[in-house]
Amino acid sequence: MKNLKPGQRVPELIVNTTEGLKWNIKDSDPGTFTMIVFYRGIHCPICKKYLEELNEKISDFRDRGVNVICISSNSQVLAEKTVDEWEIDKLHIGCDFSVEDGRKWGLFVSEAIKESEPQVFLEPALFLVRPDNTLYSASIQSMPFARPKFDELLKTISFIIKDDYPARGEA
């Protein structure tokens, strides 16, 4: 993924969800974009705030034709606990996403520095993928900080739709 440019097909993405289903990006069929939010896991208080905010704004994304999935490498049990404890029941939560698959997407991988963290886990990222499964944009972080702000992203998506703004960074 590190060499994937906007306009290129994204890697395969099939993930188990807390609803007990297999989610496949090929079946997402968004009006404008599939937004993939990779988060660190239940151990991360910054992820908690981020997904709680997204949970409150999910209808705004859906109104713009954006399908959203949030994914971590947490187990099914931990992902279900995340949904309950964080009260993020409006979001589709993917789980059991392997580090190897994360590397295909160019995600950064960290090792635990605290007892509360998994031995190894994925750092956050946000991707906008067009309905044809080509990359529109990517924001990949090596730390839990400096993630895209949802209000700004909503305004940006509205602009992209209104002006048919093309993907950038493909050169």
C-alpha atoms as a PDB file:
ATOM      1  CA  MET A   1       0.000   0.000   0.000  1.00  0.00           C
ATOM      2  CA  LYS A   2       2.862   2.400   0.610  1.00  0.00           C
ATOM      3  CA  ASN A   3       3.298   2.681  -3.131  1.00  0.00           C
ATOM      4  CA  LEU A   4      -0.430   2.680  -3.902  1.00  0.00           C
ATOM      5  CA  LYS A   5      -1.459   5.938  -5.461  1.00  0.00           C
ATOM      6  CA  PRO A   6      -4.876   7.537  -5.703  1.00  0.00           C
ATOM      7  CA  GLY A   7      -6.740   5.971  -8.586  1.00  0.00           C
ATOM      8  CA  GLN A   8      -5.216   2.531  -8.011  1.00  0.00           C
ATOM      9  CA  ARG A   9      -7.213  -0.429  -6.726  1.00  0.00           C
ATOM     10  CA  VAL A  10      -6.949  -0.936  -2.964  1.00  0.00           C
ATOM     11  CA  PRO A  11      -5.939  -4.279  -1.431  1.00  0.00           C
ATOM     12  CA  GLU A  12      -8.578  -6.883  -0.705  1.00  0.00           C
ATOM     13  CA  LEU A  13     -10.454  -6.128   2.496  1.00  0.00           C
ATOM     14  CA  ILE A  14     -12.590  -8.805   4.116  1.00  0.00           C
ATOM     15  CA  VAL A  15     -13.101  -8.561   7.864  1.00  0.00           C
ATOM     16  CA  ASN A  16     -15.245 -10.146  10.576  1.00  0.00           C
ATOM     17  CA  THR A  17     -17.626  -7.739  12.308  1.00  0.00           C
ATOM     18  CA  THR A  18     -19.159  -7.492  15.752  1.00  0.00           C
ATOM     19  CA  GLU A  19     -22.519  -8.236  14.091  1.00  0.00           C
ATOM     20  CA  GLY A  20     -21.180 -11.709  13.272  1.00  0.00           C
ATOM     21  CA  LEU A  21     -20.897 -11.021   9.541  1.00  0.00           C
ATOM     22  CA  LYS A  22     -18.012 -10.916   7.102  1.00  0.00           C
ATOM     23  CA  TRP A  23     -17.673  -7.421   5.646  1.00  0.00           C
ATOM     24  CA  ASN A  24     -16.143  -7.197   2.166  1.00  0.00           C
ATOM     25  CA  ILE A  25     -15.195  -3.903   0.551  1.00  0.00           C
ATOM     26  CA  LYS A  26     -16.274  -5.303  -2.814  1.00  0.00           C
ATOM     27  CA  ASP A  27     -19.841  -5.474  -1.460  1.00  0.00           C
ATOM     28  CA  SER A  28     -19.817  -2.015   0.155  1.00  0.00           C
ATOM     29  CA  ASP A  29     -21.546  -0.286  -2.802  1.00  0.00           C
ATOM     30  CA  PRO A  30     -21.349   3.300  -1.498  1.00  0.00           C
ATOM     31  CA  GLY A  31     -22.952   6.277  -3.189  1.00  0.00           C
ATOM     32  CA  THR A  32     -19.693   8.242  -3.061  1.00  0.00           C
ATOM     33  CA  PHE A  33     -17.068   6.604  -0.836  1.00  0.00           C
ATOM     34  CA  THR A  34     -16.317   3.791   1.539  1.00  0.00           C
ATOM     35  CA  MET A  35     -14.568   5.312   4.535  1.00  0.00           C
ATOM     36  CA  ILE A  36     -12.296   2.875   6.333  1.00  0.00           C
ATOM     37  CA  VAL A  37     -11.210   3.949   9.793  1.00  0.00           C
ATOM     38  CA  PHE A  38      -8.460   1.804  11.267  1.00  0.00           C
ATOM     39  CA  TYR A  39      -8.156   2.296  15.022  1.00  0.00           C
ATOM     40  CA  ARG A  40      -5.698   0.958  17.581  1.00  0.00           C
ATOM     41  CA  GLY A  41      -8.128  -0.954  19.797  1.00  0.00           C
ATOM     42  CA  ILE A  42      -9.984  -0.901  23.072  1.00  0.00           C
ATOM     43  CA  HIS A  43      -6.808   0.039  24.981  1.00  0.00           C
ATOM     44  CA  CYS A  44      -6.652   3.492  23.306  1.00  0.00           C
ATOM     45  CA  PRO A  45      -8.500   6.399  24.958  1.00  0.00           C
ATOM     46  CA  ILE A  46      -7.902   8.584  21.889  1.00  0.00           C
ATOM     47  CA  CYS A  47      -9.586   5.970  19.681  1.00  0.00           C
ATOM     48  CA  LYS A  48     -12.499   5.937  22.117  1.00  0.00           C
ATOM     49  CA  LYS A  49     -13.103   9.678  21.727  1.00  0.00           C
ATOM     50  CA  TYR A  50     -12.585   9.473  17.965  1.00  0.00           C
ATOM     51  CA  LEU A  51     -15.089   6.660  17.422  1.00  0.00           C
ATOM     52  CA  GLU A  52     -17.595   8.180  19.854  1.00  0.00           C
ATOM     53  CA  GLU A  53     -17.521  11.357  17.769  1.00  0.00           C
ATOM     54  CA  LEU A  54     -17.905   9.371  14.552  1.00  0.00           C
ATOM     55  CA  ASN A  55     -20.836   7.471  16.072  1.00  0.00           C
ATOM     56  CA  GLU A  56     -22.606  10.819  16.598  1.00  0.00           C
ATOM     57  CA  LYS A  57     -21.873  11.998  13.037  1.00  0.00           C
ATOM     58  CA  ILE A  58     -22.490   8.742  11.166  1.00  0.00           C
ATOM     59  CA  SER A  59     -25.807   9.901   9.692  1.00  0.00           C
ATOM     60  CA  ASP A  60     -24.036  12.955   8.223  1.00  0.00           C
ATOM     61  CA  PHE A  61     -21.633  10.631   6.399  1.00  0.00           C
ATOM     62  CA  ARG A  62     -24.459   8.371   5.229  1.00  0.00           C
ATOM     63  CA  ASP A  63     -26.338  11.441   3.943  1.00  0.00           C
ATOM     64  CA  ARG A  64     -23.321  12.079   1.690  1.00  0.00           C
ATOM     65  CA  GLY A  65     -23.341   8.511   0.363  1.00  0.00           C
ATOM     66  CA  VAL A  66     -20.429   7.353   2.521  1.00  0.00           C
ATOM     67  CA  ASN A  67     -20.385   3.820   3.922  1.00  0.00           C
ATOM     68  CA  VAL A  68     -18.210   3.556   7.025  1.00  0.00           C
ATOM     69  CA  ILE A  69     -16.394   0.686   8.677  1.00  0.00           C
ATOM     70  CA  CYS A  70     -14.031   0.912  11.656  1.00  0.00           C
ATOM     71  CA  ILE A  71     -11.437  -1.836  11.988  1.00  0.00           C
ATOM     72  CA  SER A  72      -8.895  -2.990  14.560  1.00  0.00           C
ATOM     73  CA  SER A  73      -6.863  -6.092  15.222  1.00  0.00           C
ATOM     74  CA  ASN A  74      -8.816  -6.663  18.455  1.00  0.00           C
ATOM     75  CA  SER A  75     -10.481 -10.044  18.885  1.00  0.00           C
ATOM     76  CA  GLN A  76     -14.227 -10.450  18.409  1.00  0.00           C
ATOM     77  CA  VAL A  77     -14.704 -10.434  22.199  1.00  0.00           C
ATOM     78  CA  LEU A  78     -12.714  -7.214  22.665  1.00  0.00           C
ATOM     79  CA  ALA A  79     -14.445  -5.556  19.699  1.00  0.00           C
ATOM     80  CA  GLU A  80     -17.879  -6.410  21.133  1.00  0.00           C
ATOM     81  CA  LYS A  81     -16.739  -5.036  24.501  1.00  0.00           C
ATOM     82  CA  THR A  82     -15.592  -1.872  22.690  1.00  0.00           C
ATOM     83  CA  VAL A  83     -19.035  -1.361  21.150  1.00  0.00           C
ATOM     84  CA  ASP A  84     -20.721  -1.783  24.539  1.00  0.00           C
ATOM     85  CA  GLU A  85     -18.313   0.234  26.685  1.00  0.00           C
ATOM     86  CA  TRP A  86     -17.803   3.052  24.182  1.00  0.00           C
ATOM     87  CA  GLU A  87     -21.493   3.148  23.218  1.00  0.00           C
ATOM     88  CA  ILE A  88     -20.726   3.158  19.486  1.00  0.00           C
ATOM     89  CA  ASP A  89     -23.655   1.044  18.367  1.00  0.00           C
ATOM     90  CA  LYS A  90     -24.258   3.013  15.132  1.00  0.00           C
ATOM     91  CA  LEU A  91     -20.891   1.977  13.684  1.00  0.00           C
ATOM     92  CA  HIS A  92     -19.894  -1.170  11.832  1.00  0.00           C
ATOM     93  CA  ILE A  93     -16.919  -2.556  13.743  1.00  0.00           C
ATOM     94  CA  GLY A  94     -14.490  -4.948  12.095  1.00  0.00           C
ATOM     95  CA  CYS A  95     -12.206  -7.137  14.164  1.00  0.00           C
ATOM     96  CA  ASP A  96      -9.489  -9.778  13.986  1.00  0.00           C
ATOM     97  CA  PHE A  97      -7.709  -7.782  11.259  1.00  0.00           C
ATOM     98  CA  SER A  98      -4.220  -9.207  11.018  1.00  0.00           C
ATOM     99  CA  VAL A  99      -1.008  -7.241  11.226  1.00  0.00           C
ATOM    100  CA  GLU A 100       0.009  -8.806   7.896  1.00  0.00           C
ATOM    101  CA  ASP A 101      -3.153  -7.483   6.238  1.00  0.00           C
ATOM    102  CA  GLY A 102      -2.552  -4.119   7.890  1.00  0.00           C
ATOM    103  CA  ARG A 103       0.885  -3.968   6.297  1.00  0.00           C
ATOM    104  CA  LYS A 104      -0.741  -4.514   2.872  1.00  0.00           C
ATOM    105  CA  TRP A 105      -2.627  -1.273   3.515  1.00  0.00           C
ATOM    106  CA  GLY A 106       0.588   0.487   4.558  1.00  0.00           C
ATOM    107  CA  LEU A 107      -0.432   0.762   8.200  1.00  0.00           C
ATOM    108  CA  PHE A 108       2.153   1.337  10.879  1.00  0.00           C
ATOM    109  CA  VAL A 109       2.504  -1.421  13.478  1.00  0.00           C
ATOM    110  CA  SER A 110       3.478  -0.854  17.112  1.00  0.00           C
ATOM    111  CA  GLU A 111       4.600  -3.076  19.936  1.00  0.00           C
ATOM    112  CA  ALA A 112       3.214  -2.678  23.440  1.00  0.00           C
ATOM    113  CA  ILE A 113       4.842  -0.173  25.768  1.00  0.00           C
ATOM    114  CA  LYS A 114       2.265  -0.636  28.535  1.00  0.00           C
ATOM    115  CA  GLU A 115       0.727  -3.706  30.089  1.00  0.00           C
ATOM    116  CA  SER A 116      -2.743  -2.612  28.934  1.00  0.00           C
ATOM    117  CA  GLU A 117      -1.724  -2.752  25.261  1.00  0.00           C
ATOM    118  CA  PRO A 118      -1.734  -5.820  23.010  1.00  0.00           C
ATOM    119  CA  GLN A 119       1.726  -7.219  22.186  1.00  0.00           C
ATOM    120  CA  VAL A 120       1.400  -5.803  18.676  1.00  0.00           C
ATOM    121  CA  PHE A 121      -1.295  -3.632  17.109  1.00  0.00           C
ATOM    122  CA  LEU A 122      -2.069  -1.370  14.153  1.00  0.00           C
ATOM    123  CA  GLU A 123      -1.807   2.397  14.296  1.00  0.00           C
ATOM    124  CA  PRO A 124      -4.694   4.529  12.995  1.00  0.00           C
ATOM    125  CA  ALA A 125      -5.508   5.424   9.417  1.00  0.00           C
ATOM    126  CA  LEU A 126      -8.428   6.732   7.415  1.00  0.00           C
ATOM    127  CA  PHE A 127      -9.067   5.887   3.763  1.00  0.00           C
ATOM    128  CA  LEU A 128     -11.659   7.136   1.317  1.00  0.00           C
ATOM    129  CA  VAL A 129     -12.253   4.556  -1.400  1.00  0.00           C
ATOM    130  CA  ARG A 130     -14.379   5.149  -4.494  1.00  0.00           C
ATOM    131  CA  PRO A 131     -17.207   2.735  -5.426  1.00  0.00           C
ATOM    132  CA  ASP A 132     -14.895   1.058  -7.978  1.00  0.00           C
ATOM    133  CA  ASN A 133     -12.510   0.186  -5.084  1.00  0.00           C
ATOM    134  CA  THR A 134      -9.842   2.653  -6.127  1.00  0.00           C
ATOM    135  CA  LEU A 135      -8.138   4.863  -3.593  1.00  0.00           C
ATOM    136  CA  TYR A 136      -9.296   8.476  -3.374  1.00  0.00           C
ATOM    137  CA  SER A 137      -7.345   9.559  -0.290  1.00  0.00           C
ATOM    138  CA  ALA A 138      -5.354   8.171   2.623  1.00  0.00           C
ATOM    139  CA  SER A 139      -4.314   9.487   6.019  1.00  0.00           C
ATOM    140  CA  ILE A 140      -1.951   7.047   7.710  1.00  0.00           C
ATOM    141  CA  GLN A 141      -0.611   7.791  11.188  1.00  0.00           C
ATOM    142  CA  SER A 142       2.350   6.336  13.062  1.00  0.00           C
ATOM    143  CA  MET A 143       0.913   7.494  16.419  1.00  0.00           C
ATOM    144  CA  PRO A 144      -2.573   7.883  17.894  1.00  0.00           C
ATOM    145  CA  PHE A 145      -2.515  11.655  17.339  1.00  0.00           C
ATOM    146  CA  ALA A 146      -3.245  14.049  14.434  1.00  0.00           C
ATOM    147  CA  ARG A 147      -6.174  12.239  12.835  1.00  0.00           C
ATOM    148  CA  PRO A 148      -8.545  13.817  10.304  1.00  0.00           C
ATOM    149  CA  LYS A 149     -11.311  15.837  11.983  1.00  0.00           C
ATOM    150  CA  PHE A 150     -14.774  14.575  11.094  1.00  0.00           C
ATOM    151  CA  ASP A 151     -16.390  18.012  10.701  1.00  0.00           C
ATOM    152  CA  GLU A 152     -13.661  19.032   8.250  1.00  0.00           C
ATOM    153  CA  LEU A 153     -13.938  15.717   6.451  1.00  0.00           C
ATOM    154  CA  LEU A 154     -17.711  16.168   6.042  1.00  0.00           C
ATOM    155  CA  LYS A 155     -17.178  19.621   4.521  1.00  0.00           C
ATOM    156  CA  THR A 156     -14.473  18.212   2.262  1.00  0.00           C
ATOM    157  CA  ILE A 157     -16.673  15.355   1.054  1.00  0.00           C
ATOM    158  CA  SER A 158     -19.466  17.837   0.283  1.00  0.00           C
ATOM    159  CA  PHE A 159     -16.982  19.917  -1.736  1.00  0.00           C
ATOM    160  CA  ILE A 160     -15.681  16.841  -3.575  1.00  0.00           C
ATOM    161  CA  ILE A 161     -19.218  15.825  -4.514  1.00  0.00           C
ATOM    162  CA  LYS A 162     -20.319  19.344  -5.518  1.00  0.00           C
ATOM    163  CA  ASP A 163     -17.267  20.144  -7.639  1.00  0.00           C
ATOM    164  CA  ASP A 164     -16.434  16.588  -8.739  1.00  0.00           C
ATOM    165  CA  TYR A 165     -12.972  17.215  -7.318  1.00  0.00           C
ATOM    166  CA  PRO A 166     -10.477  14.618  -8.559  1.00  0.00           C
ATOM    167  CA  ALA A 167      -8.152  12.534  -6.403  1.00  0.00           C
ATOM    168  CA  ARG A 168      -4.734  14.119  -5.955  1.00  0.00           C
ATOM    169  CA  GLY A 169      -1.261  12.655  -5.446  1.00  0.00           C
ATOM    170  CA  GLU A 170      -1.352  10.193  -8.309  1.00  0.00           C
ATOM    171  CA  ALA A 171       1.647  11.575 -10.207  1.00  0.00           C
END
